[in-house]
Amino acid sequence: MATVLSVSGSPSASSRTGRLLRHLDERLIAQGHRVVPLDVRTIPAEALLGADFRHPAIVEATELFARADGVVVATPVYKASYSGVLKALLDLLPQYALTGKTVLPLATGGSTAHVLAIDYALRPVLNSMGAGHIVQGWFTLDKDITVREDGSLTVAPGTAEALEQVVDQFSAALDRTPALAVAS
């Protein structure tokens, strides 16, 4: 099966976005994929904001993108766009870091007013980075994600079904995409 890089663009350690993404990772693992999590917030700020392409954390993130067959990108929506930490990372990756890769964009937010952030803010950037196939993304309202005291996650039934469907479509697209040969 495919290797999936699961990128959380949330700046918060306790975010619903990150928790939802890790919940969806479990579905991909159950389908036989290898999932590699990347929380952008763990990359040192001086590397991201200082555009230090040679910083070990940036080099490692670049290598993770290069080795992935598919990428799930999840972000909270702020001011009708994806997060600043995600933008900082995407800006430091090679121009065509997503060439030939299948990509699933996901977003969370407090209002349906931000539902188009995937199509009008995130998708164009992913496309410009050479994504081979960007599958249908999904926007989830914060109110549909509940984190219990024990850390477990509950997703509202209709939303859970929709998310399962987009994850399954992503998984199927991965299975149809031939692995790219990496030149040495």
N, C-alpha and C. Protein backbone atom coordinates (compact mmCIF):
# COMPACT_ATOMS: atom_id res chain seq x y z
N MET A 1 0.83 -1.19 0.00
CA MET A 1 0.00 0.00 0.00
C MET A 1 0.87 1.25 0.00
N ALA A 2 0.22 2.38 -0.01
CA ALA A 2 0.89 3.67 -0.15
C ALA A 2 1.38 4.24 1.18
N THR A 3 2.36 5.12 1.07
CA THR A 3 2.82 5.90 2.21
C THR A 3 2.12 7.25 2.14
N VAL A 4 1.45 7.62 3.23
CA VAL A 4 0.69 8.86 3.30
C VAL A 4 1.33 9.78 4.32
N LEU A 5 1.66 10.99 3.90
CA LEU A 5 2.12 12.02 4.82
C LEU A 5 0.89 12.78 5.29
N SER A 6 0.66 12.79 6.59
CA SER A 6 -0.53 13.39 7.19
C SER A 6 -0.11 14.67 7.90
N VAL A 7 -0.39 15.81 7.26
CA VAL A 7 0.14 17.09 7.70
C VAL A 7 -0.93 17.90 8.43
N SER A 8 -0.67 18.20 9.70
CA SER A 8 -1.55 19.07 10.47
C SER A 8 -0.97 20.48 10.44
N GLY A 9 -1.75 21.40 9.89
CA GLY A 9 -1.33 22.78 9.81
C GLY A 9 -1.83 23.63 10.96
N SER A 10 -2.23 23.00 12.04
CA SER A 10 -2.72 23.75 13.18
C SER A 10 -1.57 24.21 14.07
N PRO A 11 -1.61 25.45 14.53
CA PRO A 11 -0.56 25.93 15.44
C PRO A 11 -0.77 25.48 16.88
N SER A 12 -1.89 24.84 17.17
CA SER A 12 -2.24 24.45 18.53
C SER A 12 -2.06 22.95 18.77
N ALA A 13 -1.46 22.61 19.91
CA ALA A 13 -1.26 21.20 20.27
C ALA A 13 -2.58 20.50 20.59
N SER A 14 -3.57 21.26 21.02
CA SER A 14 -4.85 20.65 21.42
C SER A 14 -5.96 20.94 20.42
N SER A 15 -5.61 21.20 19.19
CA SER A 15 -6.61 21.61 18.20
C SER A 15 -7.53 20.47 17.78
N ARG A 16 -8.73 20.84 17.43
CA ARG A 16 -9.67 19.87 16.86
C ARG A 16 -9.15 19.38 15.51
N THR A 17 -8.53 20.27 14.76
CA THR A 17 -8.00 19.90 13.44
C THR A 17 -7.01 18.75 13.55
N GLY A 18 -6.05 18.90 14.43
CA GLY A 18 -5.04 17.86 14.61
C GLY A 18 -5.64 16.55 15.11
N ARG A 19 -6.52 16.65 16.05
CA ARG A 19 -7.16 15.44 16.59
C ARG A 19 -8.01 14.74 15.53
N LEU A 20 -8.74 15.53 14.75
CA LEU A 20 -9.55 14.95 13.68
C LEU A 20 -8.65 14.26 12.66
N LEU A 21 -7.56 14.90 12.31
CA LEU A 21 -6.63 14.32 11.34
C LEU A 21 -6.07 13.00 11.84
N ARG A 22 -5.65 12.94 13.09
CA ARG A 22 -5.10 11.69 13.64
C ARG A 22 -6.19 10.61 13.70
N HIS A 23 -7.42 11.01 13.92
CA HIS A 23 -8.55 10.08 13.90
C HIS A 23 -8.70 9.49 12.48
N LEU A 24 -8.59 10.34 11.47
CA LEU A 24 -8.71 9.87 10.08
C LEU A 24 -7.50 9.03 9.67
N ASP A 25 -6.34 9.32 10.25
CA ASP A 25 -5.15 8.50 9.99
C ASP A 25 -5.42 7.03 10.31
N GLU A 26 -6.16 6.81 11.39
CA GLU A 26 -6.48 5.44 11.81
C GLU A 26 -7.25 4.70 10.72
N ARG A 27 -8.13 5.39 10.03
CA ARG A 27 -8.89 4.76 8.94
C ARG A 27 -7.94 4.37 7.79
N LEU A 28 -7.01 5.26 7.47
CA LEU A 28 -6.06 4.96 6.40
C LEU A 28 -5.16 3.78 6.79
N ILE A 29 -4.75 3.73 8.03
CA ILE A 29 -3.92 2.61 8.51
C ILE A 29 -4.71 1.31 8.42
N ALA A 30 -5.98 1.34 8.82
CA ALA A 30 -6.84 0.16 8.75
C ALA A 30 -7.01 -0.33 7.31
N GLN A 31 -6.86 0.59 6.35
CA GLN A 31 -6.97 0.22 4.94
C GLN A 31 -5.63 -0.23 4.36
N GLY A 32 -4.62 -0.32 5.23
CA GLY A 32 -3.34 -0.87 4.81
C GLY A 32 -2.27 0.14 4.42
N HIS A 33 -2.57 1.42 4.57
CA HIS A 33 -1.57 2.43 4.21
C HIS A 33 -0.63 2.69 5.38
N ARG A 34 0.57 3.11 5.05
CA ARG A 34 1.53 3.55 6.06
C ARG A 34 1.34 5.06 6.21
N VAL A 35 1.05 5.52 7.42
CA VAL A 35 0.79 6.93 7.66
C VAL A 35 1.92 7.53 8.48
N VAL A 36 2.47 8.63 7.98
CA VAL A 36 3.53 9.36 8.67
C VAL A 36 2.95 10.72 9.08
N PRO A 37 2.81 10.95 10.39
CA PRO A 37 2.24 12.23 10.83
C PRO A 37 3.29 13.34 10.84
N LEU A 38 2.87 14.54 10.47
CA LEU A 38 3.73 15.72 10.56
C LEU A 38 2.88 16.86 11.10
N ASP A 39 3.21 17.31 12.29
CA ASP A 39 2.55 18.47 12.89
C ASP A 39 3.45 19.66 12.64
N VAL A 40 3.03 20.56 11.76
CA VAL A 40 3.87 21.69 11.37
C VAL A 40 4.28 22.52 12.58
N ARG A 41 3.43 22.59 13.60
CA ARG A 41 3.74 23.38 14.79
C ARG A 41 4.99 22.90 15.52
N THR A 42 5.44 21.66 15.25
CA THR A 42 6.63 21.14 15.92
C THR A 42 7.93 21.56 15.22
N ILE A 43 7.82 22.14 14.04
CA ILE A 43 9.00 22.65 13.34
C ILE A 43 9.37 23.98 14.00
N PRO A 44 10.64 24.16 14.35
CA PRO A 44 11.03 25.40 15.03
C PRO A 44 10.62 26.66 14.26
N ALA A 45 10.06 27.60 14.99
CA ALA A 45 9.59 28.85 14.39
C ALA A 45 10.71 29.58 13.66
N GLU A 46 11.91 29.55 14.22
CA GLU A 46 13.01 30.26 13.56
C GLU A 46 13.33 29.67 12.20
N ALA A 47 13.11 28.39 12.03
CA ALA A 47 13.33 27.75 10.72
C ALA A 47 12.23 28.15 9.75
N LEU A 48 10.98 28.11 10.22
CA LEU A 48 9.85 28.46 9.36
C LEU A 48 9.84 29.94 8.98
N LEU A 49 9.92 30.78 9.98
CA LEU A 49 9.78 32.22 9.74
C LEU A 49 11.06 32.85 9.20
N GLY A 50 12.18 32.20 9.46
CA GLY A 50 13.45 32.70 8.93
C GLY A 50 13.79 32.12 7.57
N ALA A 51 12.88 31.31 7.03
CA ALA A 51 13.07 30.67 5.72
C ALA A 51 14.43 29.98 5.63
N ASP A 52 14.72 29.20 6.67
CA ASP A 52 16.00 28.48 6.73
C ASP A 52 15.86 27.12 6.05
N PHE A 53 16.07 27.13 4.73
CA PHE A 53 15.91 25.91 3.93
C PHE A 53 16.84 24.79 4.38
N ARG A 54 17.95 25.13 5.02
CA ARG A 54 18.94 24.13 5.43
C ARG A 54 18.75 23.65 6.86
N HIS A 55 17.79 24.20 7.56
CA HIS A 55 17.53 23.75 8.94
C HIS A 55 17.16 22.27 8.89
N PRO A 56 17.70 21.46 9.79
CA PRO A 56 17.41 20.02 9.77
C PRO A 56 15.92 19.68 9.77
N ALA A 57 15.11 20.45 10.45
CA ALA A 57 13.66 20.17 10.48
C ALA A 57 13.02 20.44 9.13
N ILE A 58 13.49 21.45 8.41
CA ILE A 58 12.96 21.75 7.08
C ILE A 58 13.43 20.70 6.09
N VAL A 59 14.68 20.31 6.20
CA VAL A 59 15.23 19.25 5.33
C VAL A 59 14.45 17.96 5.55
N GLU A 60 14.18 17.63 6.81
CA GLU A 60 13.43 16.41 7.12
C GLU A 60 12.01 16.49 6.57
N ALA A 61 11.34 17.62 6.74
CA ALA A 61 9.98 17.77 6.22
C ALA A 61 9.97 17.64 4.70
N THR A 62 10.95 18.22 4.04
CA THR A 62 11.06 18.13 2.58
C THR A 62 11.22 16.67 2.15
N GLU A 63 12.03 15.93 2.90
CA GLU A 63 12.23 14.51 2.59
C GLU A 63 10.96 13.70 2.82
N LEU A 64 10.19 14.05 3.85
CA LEU A 64 8.93 13.35 4.10
C LEU A 64 7.97 13.54 2.93
N PHE A 65 7.89 14.76 2.42
CA PHE A 65 7.04 15.02 1.25
C PHE A 65 7.54 14.22 0.05
N ALA A 66 8.84 14.18 -0.14
CA ALA A 66 9.41 13.48 -1.30
C ALA A 66 9.11 11.98 -1.25
N ARG A 67 9.12 11.39 -0.07
CA ARG A 67 8.91 9.94 0.06
C ARG A 67 7.45 9.53 0.05
N ALA A 68 6.54 10.48 0.23
CA ALA A 68 5.11 10.15 0.32
C ALA A 68 4.50 9.89 -1.05
N ASP A 69 3.59 8.94 -1.09
CA ASP A 69 2.79 8.69 -2.29
C ASP A 69 1.59 9.62 -2.31
N GLY A 70 1.09 9.92 -1.12
CA GLY A 70 -0.06 10.79 -0.99
C GLY A 70 0.10 11.68 0.22
N VAL A 71 -0.62 12.80 0.23
CA VAL A 71 -0.52 13.76 1.32
C VAL A 71 -1.93 14.19 1.73
N VAL A 72 -2.19 14.13 3.02
CA VAL A 72 -3.40 14.70 3.59
C VAL A 72 -2.97 16.00 4.26
N VAL A 73 -3.59 17.09 3.88
CA VAL A 73 -3.27 18.40 4.46
C VAL A 73 -4.50 18.90 5.18
N ALA A 74 -4.38 19.08 6.50
CA ALA A 74 -5.50 19.56 7.30
C ALA A 74 -5.12 20.88 7.96
N THR A 75 -6.07 21.81 7.95
CA THR A 75 -5.80 23.13 8.52
C THR A 75 -7.05 23.72 9.14
N PRO A 76 -6.86 24.46 10.22
CA PRO A 76 -7.98 25.29 10.67
C PRO A 76 -8.07 26.48 9.71
N VAL A 77 -9.25 27.05 9.60
CA VAL A 77 -9.42 28.22 8.75
C VAL A 77 -9.41 29.46 9.63
N TYR A 78 -8.51 30.38 9.28
CA TYR A 78 -8.42 31.67 9.95
C TYR A 78 -8.56 32.74 8.89
N LYS A 79 -9.44 33.70 9.09
CA LYS A 79 -9.62 34.81 8.15
C LYS A 79 -9.79 34.32 6.71
N ALA A 80 -10.62 33.29 6.56
CA ALA A 80 -10.99 32.73 5.25
C ALA A 80 -9.84 32.06 4.52
N SER A 81 -8.79 31.65 5.23
CA SER A 81 -7.67 30.98 4.58
C SER A 81 -7.06 29.94 5.51
N TYR A 82 -6.10 29.20 4.97
CA TYR A 82 -5.42 28.19 5.78
C TYR A 82 -4.45 28.86 6.74
N SER A 83 -3.93 28.10 7.69
CA SER A 83 -3.11 28.66 8.76
C SER A 83 -1.77 29.20 8.27
N GLY A 84 -1.25 30.14 9.01
CA GLY A 84 0.04 30.75 8.70
C GLY A 84 1.20 29.78 8.82
N VAL A 85 1.15 28.87 9.80
CA VAL A 85 2.26 27.91 9.92
C VAL A 85 2.28 26.97 8.73
N LEU A 86 1.11 26.61 8.24
CA LEU A 86 1.07 25.76 7.04
C LEU A 86 1.62 26.52 5.84
N LYS A 87 1.23 27.78 5.70
CA LYS A 87 1.74 28.61 4.61
C LYS A 87 3.26 28.71 4.67
N ALA A 88 3.79 28.93 5.87
CA ALA A 88 5.24 29.05 6.03
C ALA A 88 5.95 27.77 5.56
N LEU A 89 5.39 26.60 5.91
CA LEU A 89 6.01 25.35 5.48
C LEU A 89 5.89 25.18 3.97
N LEU A 90 4.71 25.36 3.43
CA LEU A 90 4.53 25.18 1.98
C LEU A 90 5.45 26.10 1.19
N ASP A 91 5.69 27.30 1.71
CA ASP A 91 6.59 28.23 1.03
C ASP A 91 8.04 27.75 1.01
N LEU A 92 8.41 26.91 1.96
CA LEU A 92 9.80 26.42 2.04
C LEU A 92 10.04 25.12 1.29
N LEU A 93 8.98 24.48 0.85
CA LEU A 93 9.13 23.24 0.10
C LEU A 93 9.52 23.56 -1.35
N PRO A 94 10.14 22.60 -2.02
CA PRO A 94 10.44 22.82 -3.44
C PRO A 94 9.15 23.13 -4.22
N GLN A 95 9.27 23.91 -5.27
CA GLN A 95 8.12 24.36 -6.06
C GLN A 95 7.20 23.20 -6.44
N TYR A 96 7.77 22.07 -6.84
CA TYR A 96 6.95 20.94 -7.30
C TYR A 96 7.01 19.76 -6.33
N ALA A 97 6.95 20.06 -5.05
CA ALA A 97 7.04 19.03 -4.01
C ALA A 97 5.89 18.03 -4.05
N LEU A 98 4.80 18.37 -4.71
CA LEU A 98 3.64 17.47 -4.75
C LEU A 98 3.47 16.79 -6.10
N THR A 99 4.46 16.92 -6.97
CA THR A 99 4.35 16.34 -8.30
C THR A 99 4.02 14.85 -8.24
N GLY A 100 2.95 14.49 -8.93
CA GLY A 100 2.55 13.10 -9.02
C GLY A 100 1.86 12.55 -7.79
N LYS A 101 1.67 13.35 -6.77
CA LYS A 101 1.08 12.86 -5.53
C LYS A 101 -0.43 13.09 -5.51
N THR A 102 -1.11 12.19 -4.84
CA THR A 102 -2.54 12.35 -4.58
C THR A 102 -2.67 13.12 -3.29
N VAL A 103 -3.52 14.15 -3.27
CA VAL A 103 -3.63 15.03 -2.11
C VAL A 103 -5.09 15.15 -1.68
N LEU A 104 -5.29 15.09 -0.36
CA LEU A 104 -6.60 15.28 0.24
C LEU A 104 -6.54 16.53 1.13
N PRO A 105 -7.22 17.62 0.74
CA PRO A 105 -7.26 18.81 1.59
C PRO A 105 -8.45 18.75 2.55
N LEU A 106 -8.19 19.07 3.81
CA LEU A 106 -9.22 19.10 4.84
C LEU A 106 -9.13 20.42 5.60
N ALA A 107 -10.25 20.93 6.06
CA ALA A 107 -10.24 22.16 6.85
C ALA A 107 -11.30 22.08 7.94
N THR A 108 -11.04 22.80 9.01
CA THR A 108 -12.01 22.94 10.09
C THR A 108 -12.21 24.42 10.37
N GLY A 109 -13.39 24.76 10.87
CA GLY A 109 -13.65 26.15 11.19
C GLY A 109 -14.94 26.31 11.95
N GLY A 110 -15.13 27.50 12.46
CA GLY A 110 -16.27 27.77 13.30
C GLY A 110 -17.53 28.17 12.58
N SER A 111 -17.43 28.44 11.28
CA SER A 111 -18.59 28.95 10.55
C SER A 111 -18.61 28.42 9.12
N THR A 112 -19.80 28.20 8.61
CA THR A 112 -19.92 27.77 7.22
C THR A 112 -19.48 28.88 6.26
N ALA A 113 -19.28 30.08 6.77
CA ALA A 113 -18.79 31.17 5.93
C ALA A 113 -17.39 30.86 5.37
N HIS A 114 -16.70 29.89 5.99
CA HIS A 114 -15.34 29.55 5.58
C HIS A 114 -15.26 28.28 4.74
N VAL A 115 -16.39 27.73 4.36
CA VAL A 115 -16.42 26.45 3.68
C VAL A 115 -15.65 26.46 2.35
N LEU A 116 -15.56 27.59 1.69
CA LEU A 116 -14.86 27.65 0.40
C LEU A 116 -13.35 27.86 0.53
N ALA A 117 -12.84 27.92 1.75
CA ALA A 117 -11.39 28.13 1.94
C ALA A 117 -10.57 27.03 1.28
N ILE A 118 -11.09 25.82 1.26
CA ILE A 118 -10.35 24.74 0.60
C ILE A 118 -10.20 25.03 -0.88
N ASP A 119 -11.30 25.37 -1.54
CA ASP A 119 -11.27 25.56 -2.99
C ASP A 119 -10.62 26.86 -3.44
N TYR A 120 -10.75 27.92 -2.63
CA TYR A 120 -10.25 29.22 -3.07
C TYR A 120 -8.92 29.62 -2.46
N ALA A 121 -8.50 28.97 -1.38
CA ALA A 121 -7.23 29.32 -0.76
C ALA A 121 -6.23 28.16 -0.84
N LEU A 122 -6.63 26.97 -0.40
CA LEU A 122 -5.67 25.86 -0.31
C LEU A 122 -5.46 25.13 -1.63
N ARG A 123 -6.52 24.78 -2.31
CA ARG A 123 -6.40 24.00 -3.55
C ARG A 123 -5.49 24.66 -4.59
N PRO A 124 -5.57 25.98 -4.82
CA PRO A 124 -4.68 26.59 -5.81
C PRO A 124 -3.19 26.42 -5.46
N VAL A 125 -2.87 26.50 -4.18
CA VAL A 125 -1.47 26.33 -3.77
C VAL A 125 -1.03 24.89 -4.00
N LEU A 126 -1.86 23.95 -3.62
CA LEU A 126 -1.53 22.53 -3.82
C LEU A 126 -1.37 22.23 -5.31
N ASN A 127 -2.23 22.79 -6.11
CA ASN A 127 -2.15 22.61 -7.55
C ASN A 127 -0.86 23.21 -8.11
N SER A 128 -0.50 24.40 -7.64
CA SER A 128 0.73 25.05 -8.13
C SER A 128 1.98 24.28 -7.75
N MET A 129 1.86 23.42 -6.73
CA MET A 129 3.00 22.61 -6.29
C MET A 129 3.06 21.28 -7.03
N GLY A 130 2.22 21.13 -8.06
CA GLY A 130 2.30 19.97 -8.94
C GLY A 130 1.52 18.76 -8.52
N ALA A 131 0.59 18.90 -7.58
CA ALA A 131 -0.19 17.74 -7.14
C ALA A 131 -0.75 16.99 -8.35
N GLY A 132 -0.54 15.68 -8.39
CA GLY A 132 -1.01 14.87 -9.50
C GLY A 132 -2.52 14.76 -9.52
N HIS A 133 -3.11 14.67 -8.33
CA HIS A 133 -4.57 14.53 -8.22
C HIS A 133 -4.99 15.06 -6.86
N ILE A 134 -5.81 16.08 -6.85
CA ILE A 134 -6.36 16.60 -5.60
C ILE A 134 -7.79 16.10 -5.52
N VAL A 135 -8.02 15.21 -4.57
CA VAL A 135 -9.36 14.64 -4.43
C VAL A 135 -10.29 15.63 -3.74
N GLN A 136 -11.57 15.33 -3.76
CA GLN A 136 -12.57 16.16 -3.08
C GLN A 136 -12.16 16.39 -1.64
N GLY A 137 -12.06 17.65 -1.24
CA GLY A 137 -11.72 17.98 0.14
C GLY A 137 -12.96 18.03 1.01
N TRP A 138 -12.76 18.34 2.28
CA TRP A 138 -13.92 18.43 3.17
C TRP A 138 -13.67 19.46 4.25
N PHE A 139 -14.70 20.28 4.50
CA PHE A 139 -14.69 21.27 5.56
C PHE A 139 -15.57 20.76 6.69
N THR A 140 -15.03 20.77 7.91
CA THR A 140 -15.78 20.29 9.07
C THR A 140 -15.96 21.44 10.06
N LEU A 141 -17.19 21.63 10.49
CA LEU A 141 -17.46 22.65 11.50
C LEU A 141 -16.91 22.19 12.85
N ASP A 142 -16.33 23.13 13.59
CA ASP A 142 -15.81 22.83 14.93
C ASP A 142 -16.86 22.18 15.81
N LYS A 143 -18.11 22.63 15.70
CA LYS A 143 -19.18 22.10 16.56
C LYS A 143 -19.46 20.62 16.30
N ASP A 144 -19.00 20.10 15.16
CA ASP A 144 -19.21 18.69 14.84
C ASP A 144 -18.09 17.78 15.35
N ILE A 145 -17.11 18.38 16.01
CA ILE A 145 -15.98 17.64 16.56
C ILE A 145 -15.98 17.83 18.08
N THR A 146 -16.10 16.73 18.80
CA THR A 146 -16.09 16.80 20.26
C THR A 146 -14.91 16.00 20.79
N VAL A 147 -14.10 16.66 21.61
CA VAL A 147 -12.98 15.99 22.26
C VAL A 147 -13.38 15.78 23.71
N ARG A 148 -13.42 14.51 24.12
CA ARG A 148 -13.81 14.18 25.49
C ARG A 148 -12.60 14.35 26.43
N GLU A 149 -12.89 14.34 27.72
CA GLU A 149 -11.83 14.53 28.72
C GLU A 149 -10.70 13.52 28.60
N ASP A 150 -11.03 12.30 28.17
CA ASP A 150 -9.99 11.27 28.04
C ASP A 150 -9.18 11.42 26.74
N GLY A 151 -9.50 12.46 25.95
CA GLY A 151 -8.77 12.71 24.71
C GLY A 151 -9.39 12.06 23.49
N SER A 152 -10.38 11.19 23.71
CA SER A 152 -11.01 10.54 22.56
C SER A 152 -11.88 11.54 21.80
N LEU A 153 -12.17 11.18 20.57
CA LEU A 153 -12.85 12.09 19.67
C LEU A 153 -14.17 11.52 19.21
N THR A 154 -15.17 12.38 19.14
CA THR A 154 -16.45 12.02 18.56
C THR A 154 -16.76 13.02 17.46
N VAL A 155 -17.17 12.49 16.32
CA VAL A 155 -17.55 13.34 15.19
C VAL A 155 -19.04 13.14 14.97
N ALA A 156 -19.76 14.24 14.76
CA ALA A 156 -21.20 14.16 14.53
C ALA A 156 -21.49 13.16 13.41
N PRO A 157 -22.56 12.36 13.54
CA PRO A 157 -22.82 11.27 12.60
C PRO A 157 -22.77 11.65 11.11
N GLY A 158 -23.47 12.66 10.68
CA GLY A 158 -23.46 13.02 9.26
C GLY A 158 -22.07 13.43 8.79
N THR A 159 -21.37 14.16 9.62
CA THR A 159 -20.01 14.58 9.29
C THR A 159 -19.07 13.39 9.26
N ALA A 160 -19.22 12.48 10.21
CA ALA A 160 -18.37 11.29 10.26
C ALA A 160 -18.51 10.48 8.97
N GLU A 161 -19.74 10.33 8.51
CA GLU A 161 -19.98 9.56 7.28
C GLU A 161 -19.34 10.26 6.07
N ALA A 162 -19.48 11.57 6.01
CA ALA A 162 -18.90 12.33 4.89
C ALA A 162 -17.38 12.23 4.91
N LEU A 163 -16.78 12.33 6.09
CA LEU A 163 -15.32 12.23 6.20
C LEU A 163 -14.83 10.83 5.82
N GLU A 164 -15.57 9.81 6.25
CA GLU A 164 -15.20 8.45 5.86
C GLU A 164 -15.22 8.31 4.34
N GLN A 165 -16.21 8.91 3.71
CA GLN A 165 -16.33 8.83 2.26
C GLN A 165 -15.15 9.53 1.56
N VAL A 166 -14.77 10.73 2.01
CA VAL A 166 -13.65 11.41 1.34
C VAL A 166 -12.33 10.70 1.60
N VAL A 167 -12.17 10.14 2.80
CA VAL A 167 -10.95 9.37 3.09
C VAL A 167 -10.91 8.12 2.22
N ASP A 168 -12.03 7.46 2.06
CA ASP A 168 -12.09 6.26 1.22
C ASP A 168 -11.81 6.60 -0.25
N GLN A 169 -12.31 7.75 -0.72
CA GLN A 169 -12.03 8.17 -2.10
C GLN A 169 -10.54 8.47 -2.27
N PHE A 170 -9.94 9.09 -1.27
CA PHE A 170 -8.50 9.36 -1.28
C PHE A 170 -7.72 8.05 -1.33
N SER A 171 -8.11 7.10 -0.49
CA SER A 171 -7.46 5.80 -0.43
C SER A 171 -7.56 5.08 -1.78
N ALA A 172 -8.73 5.11 -2.37
CA ALA A 172 -8.93 4.47 -3.68
C ALA A 172 -8.07 5.14 -4.74
N ALA A 173 -7.98 6.47 -4.69
CA ALA A 173 -7.15 7.19 -5.66
C ALA A 173 -5.67 6.84 -5.47
N LEU A 174 -5.25 6.65 -4.24
CA LEU A 174 -3.86 6.23 -3.98
C LEU A 174 -3.59 4.87 -4.60
N ASP A 175 -4.55 3.99 -4.47
CA ASP A 175 -4.38 2.63 -5.00
C ASP A 175 -4.31 2.62 -6.52
N ARG A 176 -4.90 3.64 -7.17
CA ARG A 176 -4.87 3.71 -8.63
C ARG A 176 -3.66 4.47 -9.17
N THR A 177 -2.98 5.22 -8.30
CA THR A 177 -1.85 6.04 -8.74
C THR A 177 -0.57 5.22 -8.66
N PRO A 178 0.12 5.04 -9.80
CA PRO A 178 1.36 4.28 -9.75
C PRO A 178 2.43 5.06 -8.98
N ALA A 179 3.23 4.32 -8.22
CA ALA A 179 4.32 4.95 -7.47
C ALA A 179 5.32 5.54 -8.47
N LEU A 180 5.81 6.71 -8.15
CA LEU A 180 6.79 7.36 -9.03
C LEU A 180 8.17 6.78 -8.78
N ALA A 181 8.90 6.55 -9.81
CA ALA A 181 10.28 6.09 -9.67
C ALA A 181 11.13 7.29 -9.28
N VAL A 182 11.91 7.14 -8.23
CA VAL A 182 12.78 8.21 -7.76
C VAL A 182 14.15 8.02 -8.39
N ALA A 183 14.60 9.03 -9.11
CA ALA A 183 15.92 8.97 -9.74
C ALA A 183 16.99 9.12 -8.69
N SER A 184 18.05 8.34 -8.83
CA SER A 184 19.12 8.46 -7.85
C SER A 184 20.24 9.32 -8.34
